[in-house]
Amino acid sequence: MSFYAVVDLEMCRIPKRIKKDNKLFLSTELIQIGAVLLDDKYKIVDKFVTFVSPEFGTVDRFIENLTGIKNTDLEGAPAFEKALKMFTNWLPEN
């Protein structure tokens, strides 16, 4: 059986001063991974969601209003590498 993963990534902005101080070329970073797994008839068979702790950015008012995610939601969230590993472990092999 084939599966399809539909993924939604939420991002927050990295403030300009932090980008400059850390010599970053990125303007955003991941704060949430959401996904659904569909079977070959496009029926949802599983769901995945995790917040991701940002290393540089914070959730500003614009992002909070857009996504509903608050900085307090990210407290205790896994770092990017761990969240990505959780997601890839969730995916079926096929």
Protein backbone atom coordinates (compact mmCIF):
# COMPACT_ATOMS: atom_id res chain seq x y z
CA MET A 1 0.00 0.00 0.00
CA SER A 2 1.20 3.48 -0.81
CA PHE A 3 0.99 6.39 1.59
CA TYR A 4 1.17 10.13 1.07
CA ALA A 5 2.34 12.63 3.68
CA VAL A 6 0.90 16.13 3.56
CA VAL A 7 3.12 18.43 5.60
CA ASP A 8 2.50 21.90 7.04
CA LEU A 9 5.45 23.82 8.50
CA GLU A 10 5.02 26.90 10.68
CA MET A 11 7.90 29.33 10.98
CA CYS A 12 8.84 32.36 13.05
CA ARG A 13 11.02 35.28 12.07
CA ILE A 14 14.60 35.64 13.21
CA PRO A 15 15.16 39.24 14.37
CA LYS A 16 17.62 41.22 12.22
CA ARG A 17 19.97 41.93 15.13
CA ILE A 18 20.26 38.20 15.89
CA LYS A 19 20.82 37.40 12.21
CA LYS A 20 23.59 39.99 12.07
CA ASP A 21 25.23 38.95 15.37
CA ASN A 22 25.22 35.26 14.39
CA LYS A 23 26.01 35.87 10.69
CA LEU A 24 22.87 34.01 9.63
CA PHE A 25 21.47 34.07 6.12
CA LEU A 26 18.12 32.64 7.23
CA SER A 27 15.20 34.91 7.94
CA THR A 28 12.88 32.33 9.55
CA GLU A 29 13.07 29.12 11.52
CA LEU A 30 10.77 26.21 12.22
CA ILE A 31 8.37 26.30 15.19
CA GLN A 32 5.89 23.54 14.29
CA ILE A 33 5.65 20.44 12.11
CA GLY A 34 2.18 19.19 11.28
CA ALA A 35 1.37 16.36 8.93
CA VAL A 36 -1.30 13.89 7.93
CA LEU A 37 -0.72 10.50 6.38
CA LEU A 38 -3.09 9.53 3.58
CA ASP A 39 -3.69 6.06 2.20
CA ASP A 40 -3.99 5.31 -1.52
CA LYS A 41 -7.64 6.41 -1.40
CA TYR A 42 -6.58 9.73 0.18
CA LYS A 43 -8.18 8.90 3.53
CA ILE A 44 -6.38 10.20 6.63
CA VAL A 45 -4.87 7.24 8.46
CA ASP A 46 -2.58 9.06 10.92
CA LYS A 47 -1.61 12.53 12.13
CA PHE A 48 1.62 14.03 13.44
CA VAL A 49 2.19 17.34 15.19
CA THR A 50 5.00 18.75 17.28
CA PHE A 51 6.17 22.17 18.26
CA VAL A 52 9.83 22.94 17.65
CA SER A 53 11.93 25.09 19.97
CA PRO A 54 13.45 27.95 17.95
CA GLU A 55 17.16 28.53 18.40
CA PHE A 56 17.22 32.19 17.37
CA GLY A 57 13.75 33.58 16.81
CA THR A 58 10.68 34.16 18.89
CA VAL A 59 7.01 34.26 18.05
CA ASP A 60 6.11 37.88 17.42
CA ARG A 61 2.57 39.26 17.40
CA PHE A 62 2.18 38.85 13.63
CA ILE A 63 3.10 35.14 13.73
CA GLU A 64 0.98 34.57 16.85
CA ASN A 65 -2.05 36.12 15.13
CA LEU A 66 -1.37 34.18 11.92
CA THR A 67 -0.75 30.74 13.47
CA GLY A 68 -2.21 30.91 16.98
CA ILE A 69 1.14 29.69 18.31
CA LYS A 70 2.53 31.50 21.37
CA ASN A 71 6.02 31.52 22.83
CA THR A 72 4.65 29.63 25.83
CA ASP A 73 3.60 26.80 23.48
CA LEU A 74 7.24 26.32 22.54
CA GLU A 75 8.52 25.93 26.11
CA GLY A 76 9.90 22.43 26.49
CA ALA A 77 9.49 21.69 22.77
CA PRO A 78 12.18 19.57 21.14
CA ALA A 79 15.01 21.23 19.24
CA PHE A 80 14.98 21.11 15.43
CA GLU A 81 17.13 17.98 15.10
CA LYS A 82 15.04 15.97 17.59
CA ALA A 83 11.73 17.17 16.10
CA LEU A 84 12.89 16.23 12.61
CA LYS A 85 13.95 12.79 13.84
CA MET A 86 10.54 12.32 15.49
CA PHE A 87 8.87 13.24 12.21
CA THR A 88 10.99 10.95 10.04
CA ASN A 89 10.47 8.08 12.51
CA TRP A 90 6.70 8.65 12.21
CA LEU A 91 6.77 8.31 8.42
CA PRO A 92 6.19 4.80 7.05
CA GLU A 93 9.04 3.25 5.10
CA ASN A 94 7.07 3.27 1.84
